[in-house]
Amino acid sequence: MTNNKTIHIEHPTLFIVPTPIGNLGDITQRALEILNSVDIIAAEDTRHTGKLLSHFNIQTRTFALHDHNEQQKAQVLVEKLLAGESIALVSDAGTPLISDPGYHLVSQCRQAGVKVVPLPGACAVITALSASGLPSDRFSFEGFLPAKSKGRKDKYLEIAKVERTCIFYESPHRISESLADMLEVLGPEREVVLARELTKTFETIQGLPLAELIEWIEEDPNRKRGEMVLLIHGHREPASETLPDEATRTLTILTKELPLKKAAAMTAEIFNLKKNALYKWGLEHLN
């Protein structure tokens, strides 16, 4: 496939350019034009990006910018920008800076007054969320889960009572251990969605109560392969227990002569109900 169209870039600019997370057809026309028009493409892995550029017949020179050299090399790129060159920042897949390099470069560009232009495009977090069936009005992306069990459990404890949808990346060789830790902390009923190999041939999006999801994954080794996104339903308070009318009527009468706590205990014994549920009802309705 060829794409030789270039555009005129008036000012030195850093472009944030998303690349496909799997299906090459997901790259945008604007992204191709920018990649073909800038002076330099700053890439997380120049060999990986080289395959993408070759596919679209883009000849722009590349510059390695990854986790291990970004703090040192960012200033080099800023100097090139200030000298009049334009640069496109890409990661191996998806939108740069989303669990990928680029933060230091963008920060330094903004401090230096260099124009930063973001392009919309592929992002595994949003792609997974849109098809998960979990609430999407409030969510947080938490990046990769910690590699060690204790770190994962601490993270799960941190989100245990959070009501928004929480999204993580996880590696295939840790998925079983990670879900086992999650089961220990969040319990078997928490709804969890596994989205793997998004936009690729074996794309899978499966949501189940956690214990059932673990069983489903263990049934087939192929379900542990590929790029993975984990989405966890936010915490939901248990539904309030519906109390019989006779019980609330009895409680109401008893509280005229007894403290609420004592009245709730007696009513619970009479109707074989939970004392705390009656006490809570009394606090809400009888004061």
C-alpha atoms as a PDB file:
ATOM      1  CA  MET A   1       0.000   0.000   0.000  1.00  0.00           C
ATOM      2  CA  THR A   2       1.279   3.488  -0.813  1.00  0.00           C
ATOM      3  CA  ASN A   3       0.577   6.861   0.691  1.00  0.00           C
ATOM      4  CA  ASN A   4       2.647   9.671  -0.795  1.00  0.00           C
ATOM      5  CA  LYS A   5       0.426  12.599   0.128  1.00  0.00           C
ATOM      6  CA  THR A   6       2.212  15.278   2.139  1.00  0.00           C
ATOM      7  CA  ILE A   7       0.867  18.364   3.843  1.00  0.00           C
ATOM      8  CA  HIS A   8       2.510  21.695   4.542  1.00  0.00           C
ATOM      9  CA  ILE A   9       3.468  22.209   8.199  1.00  0.00           C
ATOM     10  CA  GLU A  10       3.887  25.932   8.848  1.00  0.00           C
ATOM     11  CA  HIS A  11       5.456  25.884  12.308  1.00  0.00           C
ATOM     12  CA  PRO A  12       7.720  23.512  14.242  1.00  0.00           C
ATOM     13  CA  THR A  13       5.226  21.099  15.794  1.00  0.00           C
ATOM     14  CA  LEU A  14       5.200  17.904  17.810  1.00  0.00           C
ATOM     15  CA  PHE A  15       2.379  15.668  16.592  1.00  0.00           C
ATOM     16  CA  ILE A  16       1.048  12.892  18.858  1.00  0.00           C
ATOM     17  CA  VAL A  17       0.118  10.183  16.364  1.00  0.00           C
ATOM     18  CA  PRO A  18      -1.801   7.028  17.362  1.00  0.00           C
ATOM     19  CA  THR A  19      -1.017   3.873  15.416  1.00  0.00           C
ATOM     20  CA  PRO A  20      -3.155   0.725  15.048  1.00  0.00           C
ATOM     21  CA  ILE A  21      -3.372  -1.691  17.989  1.00  0.00           C
ATOM     22  CA  GLY A  22      -3.750  -4.586  15.556  1.00  0.00           C
ATOM     23  CA  ASN A  23      -5.697  -3.996  12.377  1.00  0.00           C
ATOM     24  CA  LEU A  24      -3.647  -1.726  10.087  1.00  0.00           C
ATOM     25  CA  GLY A  25      -6.870  -0.476   8.531  1.00  0.00           C
ATOM     26  CA  ASP A  26      -7.529   1.504  11.703  1.00  0.00           C
ATOM     27  CA  ILE A  27      -4.859   4.108  10.971  1.00  0.00           C
ATOM     28  CA  THR A  28      -6.381   7.446   9.970  1.00  0.00           C
ATOM     29  CA  GLN A  29      -5.749   9.303   6.742  1.00  0.00           C
ATOM     30  CA  ARG A  30      -4.560  12.295   8.742  1.00  0.00           C
ATOM     31  CA  ALA A  31      -2.058  10.144  10.641  1.00  0.00           C
ATOM     32  CA  LEU A  32      -0.604   8.885   7.350  1.00  0.00           C
ATOM     33  CA  GLU A  33      -0.315  12.427   6.030  1.00  0.00           C
ATOM     34  CA  ILE A  34       1.469  13.623   9.174  1.00  0.00           C
ATOM     35  CA  LEU A  35       3.880  10.671   9.226  1.00  0.00           C
ATOM     36  CA  ASN A  36       4.703  11.336   5.586  1.00  0.00           C
ATOM     37  CA  SER A  37       5.187  15.090   6.099  1.00  0.00           C
ATOM     38  CA  VAL A  38       7.216  15.544   9.309  1.00  0.00           C
ATOM     39  CA  ASP A  39      10.996  15.651   9.399  1.00  0.00           C
ATOM     40  CA  ILE A  40      11.379  12.975  12.079  1.00  0.00           C
ATOM     41  CA  ILE A  41       9.288  10.187  13.585  1.00  0.00           C
ATOM     42  CA  ALA A  42      10.167   9.553  17.245  1.00  0.00           C
ATOM     43  CA  ALA A  43       9.367   5.872  17.770  1.00  0.00           C
ATOM     44  CA  GLU A  44       9.315   3.564  20.786  1.00  0.00           C
ATOM     45  CA  ASP A  45      10.869   0.783  18.683  1.00  0.00           C
ATOM     46  CA  THR A  46      12.236   1.914  15.318  1.00  0.00           C
ATOM     47  CA  ARG A  47      12.226  -1.643  13.922  1.00  0.00           C
ATOM     48  CA  HIS A  48       8.584  -2.175  14.874  1.00  0.00           C
ATOM     49  CA  THR A  49       7.545   1.222  13.500  1.00  0.00           C
ATOM     50  CA  GLY A  50       9.662   0.592  10.418  1.00  0.00           C
ATOM     51  CA  LYS A  51       7.355  -2.276   9.441  1.00  0.00           C
ATOM     52  CA  LEU A  52       4.343   0.025   9.701  1.00  0.00           C
ATOM     53  CA  LEU A  53       6.026   2.747   7.660  1.00  0.00           C
ATOM     54  CA  SER A  54       7.148   0.245   5.037  1.00  0.00           C
ATOM     55  CA  HIS A  55       3.585  -1.067   4.701  1.00  0.00           C
ATOM     56  CA  PHE A  56       2.389   2.453   3.871  1.00  0.00           C
ATOM     57  CA  ASN A  57       5.508   3.341   1.836  1.00  0.00           C
ATOM     58  CA  ILE A  58       6.526   6.172   4.177  1.00  0.00           C
ATOM     59  CA  GLN A  59      10.224   7.102   3.986  1.00  0.00           C
ATOM     60  CA  THR A  60      10.467   9.552   6.943  1.00  0.00           C
ATOM     61  CA  ARG A  61      13.539   8.975   9.123  1.00  0.00           C
ATOM     62  CA  THR A  62      13.020   7.619  12.622  1.00  0.00           C
ATOM     63  CA  PHE A  63      14.521   8.399  16.022  1.00  0.00           C
ATOM     64  CA  ALA A  64      14.454   5.958  18.948  1.00  0.00           C
ATOM     65  CA  LEU A  65      12.621   7.313  21.989  1.00  0.00           C
ATOM     66  CA  HIS A  66      11.741   4.715  24.618  1.00  0.00           C
ATOM     67  CA  ASP A  67      11.400   4.267  28.376  1.00  0.00           C
ATOM     68  CA  HIS A  68      15.127   3.820  28.897  1.00  0.00           C
ATOM     69  CA  ASN A  69      16.367   6.915  27.049  1.00  0.00           C
ATOM     70  CA  GLU A  70      13.476   9.376  27.000  1.00  0.00           C
ATOM     71  CA  GLN A  71      14.635  11.659  29.790  1.00  0.00           C
ATOM     72  CA  GLN A  72      18.010  12.082  28.054  1.00  0.00           C
ATOM     73  CA  LYS A  73      16.814  12.210  24.424  1.00  0.00           C
ATOM     74  CA  ALA A  74      13.748  14.413  24.903  1.00  0.00           C
ATOM     75  CA  GLN A  75      15.899  17.521  25.096  1.00  0.00           C
ATOM     76  CA  VAL A  76      17.628  16.557  21.825  1.00  0.00           C
ATOM     77  CA  LEU A  77      14.256  16.428  20.092  1.00  0.00           C
ATOM     78  CA  VAL A  78      13.146  19.718  21.662  1.00  0.00           C
ATOM     79  CA  GLU A  79      16.271  21.365  20.261  1.00  0.00           C
ATOM     80  CA  LYS A  80      15.480  19.987  16.808  1.00  0.00           C
ATOM     81  CA  LEU A  81      11.958  21.394  17.096  1.00  0.00           C
ATOM     82  CA  LEU A  82      13.242  24.787  18.185  1.00  0.00           C
ATOM     83  CA  ALA A  83      15.574  24.710  15.181  1.00  0.00           C
ATOM     84  CA  GLY A  84      12.565  24.430  12.876  1.00  0.00           C
ATOM     85  CA  GLU A  85      12.014  20.701  12.389  1.00  0.00           C
ATOM     86  CA  SER A  86       8.677  18.945  12.885  1.00  0.00           C
ATOM     87  CA  ILE A  87       8.312  15.626  14.697  1.00  0.00           C
ATOM     88  CA  ALA A  88       5.675  12.905  14.985  1.00  0.00           C
ATOM     89  CA  LEU A  89       5.652  10.848  18.192  1.00  0.00           C
ATOM     90  CA  VAL A  90       4.419   7.248  17.893  1.00  0.00           C
ATOM     91  CA  SER A  91       4.436   4.208  20.163  1.00  0.00           C
ATOM     92  CA  ASP A  92       4.440   0.549  19.138  1.00  0.00           C
ATOM     93  CA  ALA A  93       0.640   0.495  19.160  1.00  0.00           C
ATOM     94  CA  GLY A  94      -2.182   2.815  20.146  1.00  0.00           C
ATOM     95  CA  THR A  95      -1.962   6.346  21.488  1.00  0.00           C
ATOM     96  CA  PRO A  96       1.440   7.521  22.772  1.00  0.00           C
ATOM     97  CA  LEU A  97       1.753   8.278  26.517  1.00  0.00           C
ATOM     98  CA  ILE A  98      -1.045   5.836  27.450  1.00  0.00           C
ATOM     99  CA  SER A  99       1.229   3.376  29.307  1.00  0.00           C
ATOM    100  CA  ASP A 100       3.815   4.247  26.656  1.00  0.00           C
ATOM    101  CA  PRO A 101       6.721   6.721  26.419  1.00  0.00           C
ATOM    102  CA  GLY A 102       6.237  10.394  25.601  1.00  0.00           C
ATOM    103  CA  TYR A 103       5.434  12.204  28.838  1.00  0.00           C
ATOM    104  CA  HIS A 104       8.860  13.811  29.249  1.00  0.00           C
ATOM    105  CA  LEU A 105       8.980  14.918  25.614  1.00  0.00           C
ATOM    106  CA  VAL A 106       5.519  16.479  25.659  1.00  0.00           C
ATOM    107  CA  SER A 107       6.198  18.173  28.995  1.00  0.00           C
ATOM    108  CA  GLN A 108       9.460  19.673  27.778  1.00  0.00           C
ATOM    109  CA  CYS A 109       7.872  20.811  24.518  1.00  0.00           C
ATOM    110  CA  ARG A 110       5.125  22.652  26.336  1.00  0.00           C
ATOM    111  CA  GLN A 111       7.644  24.269  28.695  1.00  0.00           C
ATOM    112  CA  ALA A 112       9.688  25.387  25.676  1.00  0.00           C
ATOM    113  CA  GLY A 113       6.659  26.842  23.911  1.00  0.00           C
ATOM    114  CA  VAL A 114       6.650  24.227  21.139  1.00  0.00           C
ATOM    115  CA  LYS A 115       3.243  23.574  19.616  1.00  0.00           C
ATOM    116  CA  VAL A 116       1.863  20.105  20.508  1.00  0.00           C
ATOM    117  CA  VAL A 117      -0.916  18.716  18.302  1.00  0.00           C
ATOM    118  CA  PRO A 118      -2.700  15.485  19.316  1.00  0.00           C
ATOM    119  CA  LEU A 119      -4.380  13.291  16.717  1.00  0.00           C
ATOM    120  CA  PRO A 120      -7.314  11.083  17.734  1.00  0.00           C
ATOM    121  CA  GLY A 121      -7.000   7.391  17.052  1.00  0.00           C
ATOM    122  CA  ALA A 122      -6.636   3.859  18.337  1.00  0.00           C
ATOM    123  CA  CYS A 123      -6.490   3.241  22.095  1.00  0.00           C
ATOM    124  CA  ALA A 124      -6.998  -0.198  23.651  1.00  0.00           C
ATOM    125  CA  VAL A 125      -8.504   1.280  26.841  1.00  0.00           C
ATOM    126  CA  ILE A 126     -11.359   3.061  25.076  1.00  0.00           C
ATOM    127  CA  THR A 127     -11.846   0.289  22.524  1.00  0.00           C
ATOM    128  CA  ALA A 128     -12.276  -2.282  25.297  1.00  0.00           C
ATOM    129  CA  LEU A 129     -14.523  -0.073  27.421  1.00  0.00           C
ATOM    130  CA  SER A 130     -16.874   0.698  24.533  1.00  0.00           C
ATOM    131  CA  ALA A 131     -17.698  -2.990  24.021  1.00  0.00           C
ATOM    132  CA  SER A 132     -17.431  -4.242  27.617  1.00  0.00           C
ATOM    133  CA  GLY A 133     -21.005  -3.697  28.737  1.00  0.00           C
ATOM    134  CA  LEU A 134     -19.704  -2.128  31.961  1.00  0.00           C
ATOM    135  CA  PRO A 135     -20.685   1.400  33.053  1.00  0.00           C
ATOM    136  CA  SER A 136     -18.730   3.894  30.953  1.00  0.00           C
ATOM    137  CA  ASP A 137     -19.965   7.178  32.418  1.00  0.00           C
ATOM    138  CA  ARG A 138     -17.202   7.061  35.078  1.00  0.00           C
ATOM    139  CA  PHE A 139     -14.025   5.053  34.707  1.00  0.00           C
ATOM    140  CA  SER A 140     -10.324   5.161  35.491  1.00  0.00           C
ATOM    141  CA  PHE A 141      -7.373   3.698  33.633  1.00  0.00           C
ATOM    142  CA  GLU A 142      -4.780   2.323  36.042  1.00  0.00           C
ATOM    143  CA  GLY A 143      -2.093   1.157  33.590  1.00  0.00           C
ATOM    144  CA  PHE A 144      -0.311  -2.175  33.959  1.00  0.00           C
ATOM    145  CA  LEU A 145      -0.944  -4.191  37.099  1.00  0.00           C
ATOM    146  CA  PRO A 146       2.098  -4.714  39.359  1.00  0.00           C
ATOM    147  CA  ALA A 147       4.264  -7.726  38.524  1.00  0.00           C
ATOM    148  CA  LYS A 148       4.341  -9.049  42.109  1.00  0.00           C
ATOM    149  CA  SER A 149       1.401 -10.628  43.939  1.00  0.00           C
ATOM    150  CA  LYS A 150       1.561  -8.261  46.921  1.00  0.00           C
ATOM    151  CA  GLY A 151       1.549  -5.226  44.653  1.00  0.00           C
ATOM    152  CA  ARG A 152      -1.479  -6.538  42.781  1.00  0.00           C
ATOM    153  CA  LYS A 153      -3.389  -7.284  45.981  1.00  0.00           C
ATOM    154  CA  ASP A 154      -2.612  -3.805  47.287  1.00  0.00           C
ATOM    155  CA  LYS A 155      -3.948  -2.316  44.045  1.00  0.00           C
ATOM    156  CA  TYR A 156      -7.119  -4.428  44.243  1.00  0.00           C
ATOM    157  CA  LEU A 157      -7.637  -3.354  47.854  1.00  0.00           C
ATOM    158  CA  GLU A 158      -7.247   0.253  46.736  1.00  0.00           C
ATOM    159  CA  ILE A 159     -10.101  -0.074  44.228  1.00  0.00           C
ATOM    160  CA  ALA A 160     -12.289  -2.498  46.224  1.00  0.00           C
ATOM    161  CA  LYS A 161     -14.801   0.187  47.254  1.00  0.00           C
ATOM    162  CA  VAL A 162     -14.387   2.406  44.177  1.00  0.00           C
ATOM    163  CA  GLU A 163     -17.709   2.753  42.343  1.00  0.00           C
ATOM    164  CA  ARG A 164     -16.350   3.579  38.872  1.00  0.00           C
ATOM    165  CA  THR A 165     -15.204   1.027  36.294  1.00  0.00           C
ATOM    166  CA  CYS A 166     -11.458   0.351  36.671  1.00  0.00           C
ATOM    167  CA  ILE A 167      -9.328  -0.665  33.693  1.00  0.00           C
ATOM    168  CA  PHE A 168      -5.917  -2.347  33.689  1.00  0.00           C
ATOM    169  CA  TYR A 169      -3.461  -3.800  31.212  1.00  0.00           C
ATOM    170  CA  GLU A 170      -2.123  -7.260  32.055  1.00  0.00           C
ATOM    171  CA  SER A 171       0.423  -9.541  30.416  1.00  0.00           C
ATOM    172  CA  PRO A 172      -0.658 -13.013  29.246  1.00  0.00           C
ATOM    173  CA  HIS A 173       1.936 -14.884  31.312  1.00  0.00           C
ATOM    174  CA  ARG A 174       0.575 -13.336  34.543  1.00  0.00           C
ATOM    175  CA  ILE A 175      -3.153 -13.407  33.832  1.00  0.00           C
ATOM    176  CA  SER A 176      -3.944 -16.545  35.902  1.00  0.00           C
ATOM    177  CA  GLU A 177      -2.037 -15.358  38.967  1.00  0.00           C
ATOM    178  CA  SER A 178      -3.457 -11.869  38.630  1.00  0.00           C
ATOM    179  CA  LEU A 179      -7.052 -13.098  38.541  1.00  0.00           C
ATOM    180  CA  ALA A 180      -6.386 -15.427  41.492  1.00  0.00           C
ATOM    181  CA  ASP A 181      -5.208 -12.407  43.510  1.00  0.00           C
ATOM    182  CA  MET A 182      -8.272 -10.482  42.372  1.00  0.00           C
ATOM    183  CA  LEU A 183     -10.554 -13.321  43.492  1.00  0.00           C
ATOM    184  CA  GLU A 184      -8.974 -13.264  46.952  1.00  0.00           C
ATOM    185  CA  VAL A 185      -9.532  -9.525  47.349  1.00  0.00           C
ATOM    186  CA  LEU A 186     -12.699  -8.727  45.386  1.00  0.00           C
ATOM    187  CA  GLY A 187     -14.585 -12.010  45.709  1.00  0.00           C
ATOM    188  CA  PRO A 188     -16.206 -14.381  43.207  1.00  0.00           C
ATOM    189  CA  GLU A 189     -19.212 -12.239  42.258  1.00  0.00           C
ATOM    190  CA  ARG A 190     -17.428  -9.095  41.014  1.00  0.00           C
ATOM    191  CA  GLU A 191     -18.128  -8.681  37.299  1.00  0.00           C
ATOM    192  CA  VAL A 192     -14.916  -8.596  35.255  1.00  0.00           C
ATOM    193  CA  VAL A 193     -14.383  -8.336  31.505  1.00  0.00           C
ATOM    194  CA  LEU A 194     -11.348  -9.687  29.674  1.00  0.00           C
ATOM    195  CA  ALA A 195     -10.705  -8.052  26.301  1.00  0.00           C
ATOM    196  CA  ARG A 196      -7.845  -9.647  24.386  1.00  0.00           C
ATOM    197  CA  GLU A 197      -6.320  -9.291  20.918  1.00  0.00           C
ATOM    198  CA  LEU A 198      -8.512  -6.281  20.147  1.00  0.00           C
ATOM    199  CA  THR A 199      -8.986  -5.579  16.407  1.00  0.00           C
ATOM    200  CA  LYS A 200      -7.019  -8.754  15.556  1.00  0.00           C
ATOM    201  CA  THR A 201      -8.129 -12.096  14.123  1.00  0.00           C
ATOM    202  CA  PHE A 202      -8.743 -13.744  17.503  1.00  0.00           C
ATOM    203  CA  GLU A 203     -10.334 -10.761  19.242  1.00  0.00           C
ATOM    204  CA  THR A 204     -12.227 -11.905  22.341  1.00  0.00           C
ATOM    205  CA  ILE A 205     -14.343  -9.906  24.790  1.00  0.00           C
ATOM    206  CA  GLN A 206     -15.726 -11.991  27.650  1.00  0.00           C
ATOM    207  CA  GLY A 207     -17.456 -10.722  30.773  1.00  0.00           C
ATOM    208  CA  LEU A 208     -18.518 -12.919  33.700  1.00  0.00           C
ATOM    209  CA  PRO A 209     -18.575 -12.977  37.485  1.00  0.00           C
ATOM    210  CA  LEU A 210     -14.922 -13.340  38.447  1.00  0.00           C
ATOM    211  CA  ALA A 211     -15.020 -16.990  39.576  1.00  0.00           C
ATOM    212  CA  GLU A 212     -16.742 -17.987  36.333  1.00  0.00           C
ATOM    213  CA  LEU A 213     -14.336 -15.918  34.238  1.00  0.00           C
ATOM    214  CA  ILE A 214     -11.385 -17.732  35.803  1.00  0.00           C
ATOM    215  CA  GLU A 215     -12.957 -21.089  34.958  1.00  0.00           C
ATOM    216  CA  TRP A 216     -13.620 -19.931  31.397  1.00  0.00           C
ATOM    217  CA  ILE A 217     -10.011 -18.802  30.887  1.00  0.00           C
ATOM    218  CA  GLU A 218      -8.579 -22.038  32.294  1.00  0.00           C
ATOM    219  CA  GLU A 219     -10.673 -24.128  29.885  1.00  0.00           C
ATOM    220  CA  ASP A 220      -8.539 -23.125  26.881  1.00  0.00           C
ATOM    221  CA  PRO A 221      -4.834 -22.140  26.868  1.00  0.00           C
ATOM    222  CA  ASN A 222      -5.490 -19.869  23.876  1.00  0.00           C
ATOM    223  CA  ARG A 223      -7.563 -17.622  26.121  1.00  0.00           C
ATOM    224  CA  LYS A 224      -4.369 -16.672  27.972  1.00  0.00           C
ATOM    225  CA  ARG A 225      -2.614 -15.380  24.868  1.00  0.00           C
ATOM    226  CA  GLY A 226      -2.253 -11.947  23.349  1.00  0.00           C
ATOM    227  CA  GLU A 227      -2.543  -8.339  24.461  1.00  0.00           C
ATOM    228  CA  MET A 228      -4.993  -8.063  27.378  1.00  0.00           C
ATOM    229  CA  VAL A 229      -7.228  -5.442  28.943  1.00  0.00           C
ATOM    230  CA  LEU A 230      -9.023  -6.169  32.238  1.00  0.00           C
ATOM    231  CA  LEU A 231     -12.119  -4.155  33.135  1.00  0.00           C
ATOM    232  CA  ILE A 232     -13.578  -4.399  36.635  1.00  0.00           C
ATOM    233  CA  HIS A 233     -17.109  -3.352  37.513  1.00  0.00           C
ATOM    234  CA  GLY A 234     -17.199  -0.729  40.230  1.00  0.00           C
ATOM    235  CA  HIS A 235     -18.266  -1.545  43.774  1.00  0.00           C
ATOM    236  CA  ARG A 236     -22.005  -1.829  44.352  1.00  0.00           C
ATOM    237  CA  GLU A 237     -23.598  -1.760  47.780  1.00  0.00           C
ATOM    238  CA  PRO A 238     -25.761  -4.821  48.465  1.00  0.00           C
ATOM    239  CA  ALA A 239     -29.433  -4.178  47.873  1.00  0.00           C
ATOM    240  CA  SER A 240     -31.282  -3.160  51.002  1.00  0.00           C
ATOM    241  CA  GLU A 241     -33.208  -5.992  52.598  1.00  0.00           C
ATOM    242  CA  THR A 242     -36.948  -5.645  52.117  1.00  0.00           C
ATOM    243  CA  LEU A 243     -38.626  -5.847  55.502  1.00  0.00           C
ATOM    244  CA  PRO A 244     -42.148  -7.261  55.974  1.00  0.00           C
ATOM    245  CA  ASP A 245     -44.802  -4.694  56.828  1.00  0.00           C
ATOM    246  CA  GLU A 246     -45.629  -6.611  59.995  1.00  0.00           C
ATOM    247  CA  ALA A 247     -42.030  -6.300  61.182  1.00  0.00           C
ATOM    248  CA  THR A 248     -41.779  -2.560  60.581  1.00  0.00           C
ATOM    249  CA  ARG A 249     -45.164  -2.042  62.240  1.00  0.00           C
ATOM    250  CA  THR A 250     -44.033  -4.032  65.278  1.00  0.00           C
ATOM    251  CA  LEU A 251     -40.771  -2.091  65.424  1.00  0.00           C
ATOM    252  CA  THR A 252     -42.652   1.189  65.265  1.00  0.00           C
ATOM    253  CA  ILE A 253     -44.863   0.182  68.194  1.00  0.00           C
ATOM    254  CA  LEU A 254     -41.963  -1.108  70.311  1.00  0.00           C
ATOM    255  CA  THR A 255     -39.910   2.061  69.845  1.00  0.00           C
ATOM    256  CA  LYS A 256     -42.642   4.010  71.626  1.00  0.00           C
ATOM    257  CA  GLU A 257     -41.642   2.195  74.827  1.00  0.00           C
ATOM    258  CA  LEU A 258     -38.074   1.007  74.141  1.00  0.00           C
ATOM    259  CA  PRO A 259     -34.807   2.364  72.743  1.00  0.00           C
ATOM    260  CA  LEU A 260     -34.447   1.672  69.010  1.00  0.00           C
ATOM    261  CA  LYS A 261     -31.565  -0.749  69.492  1.00  0.00           C
ATOM    262  CA  LYS A 262     -33.566  -2.890  71.965  1.00  0.00           C
ATOM    263  CA  ALA A 263     -36.723  -2.692  69.862  1.00  0.00           C
ATOM    264  CA  ALA A 264     -34.806  -3.789  66.744  1.00  0.00           C
ATOM    265  CA  ALA A 265     -33.326  -6.768  68.612  1.00  0.00           C
ATOM    266  CA  MET A 266     -36.759  -7.898  69.857  1.00  0.00           C
ATOM    267  CA  THR A 267     -38.384  -7.471  66.435  1.00  0.00           C
ATOM    268  CA  ALA A 268     -35.542  -9.405  64.794  1.00  0.00           C
ATOM    269  CA  GLU A 269     -36.107 -12.299  67.198  1.00  0.00           C
ATOM    270  CA  ILE A 270     -39.875 -12.316  66.616  1.00  0.00           C
ATOM    271  CA  PHE A 271     -39.654 -12.305  62.797  1.00  0.00           C
ATOM    272  CA  ASN A 272     -36.290 -14.066  62.348  1.00  0.00           C
ATOM    273  CA  LEU A 273     -34.760 -11.044  60.635  1.00  0.00           C
ATOM    274  CA  LYS A 274     -31.405  -9.307  60.825  1.00  0.00           C
ATOM    275  CA  LYS A 275     -31.183  -6.867  63.714  1.00  0.00           C
ATOM    276  CA  ASN A 276     -28.974  -4.456  61.787  1.00  0.00           C
ATOM    277  CA  ALA A 277     -31.459  -4.195  58.920  1.00  0.00           C
ATOM    278  CA  LEU A 278     -34.249  -3.305  61.341  1.00  0.00           C
ATOM    279  CA  TYR A 279     -32.047  -0.849  63.222  1.00  0.00           C
ATOM    280  CA  LYS A 280     -31.083   0.857  59.943  1.00  0.00           C
ATOM    281  CA  TRP A 281     -34.740   1.050  58.895  1.00  0.00           C
ATOM    282  CA  GLY A 282     -35.632   2.595  62.251  1.00  0.00           C
ATOM    283  CA  LEU A 283     -32.900   5.251  61.896  1.00  0.00           C
ATOM    284  CA  GLU A 284     -34.211   6.169  58.451  1.00  0.00           C
ATOM    285  CA  HIS A 285     -37.941   6.159  59.206  1.00  0.00           C
ATOM    286  CA  LEU A 286     -38.555   6.706  62.891  1.00  0.00           C
ATOM    287  CA  ASN A 287     -36.417   9.744  63.783  1.00  0.00           C
END
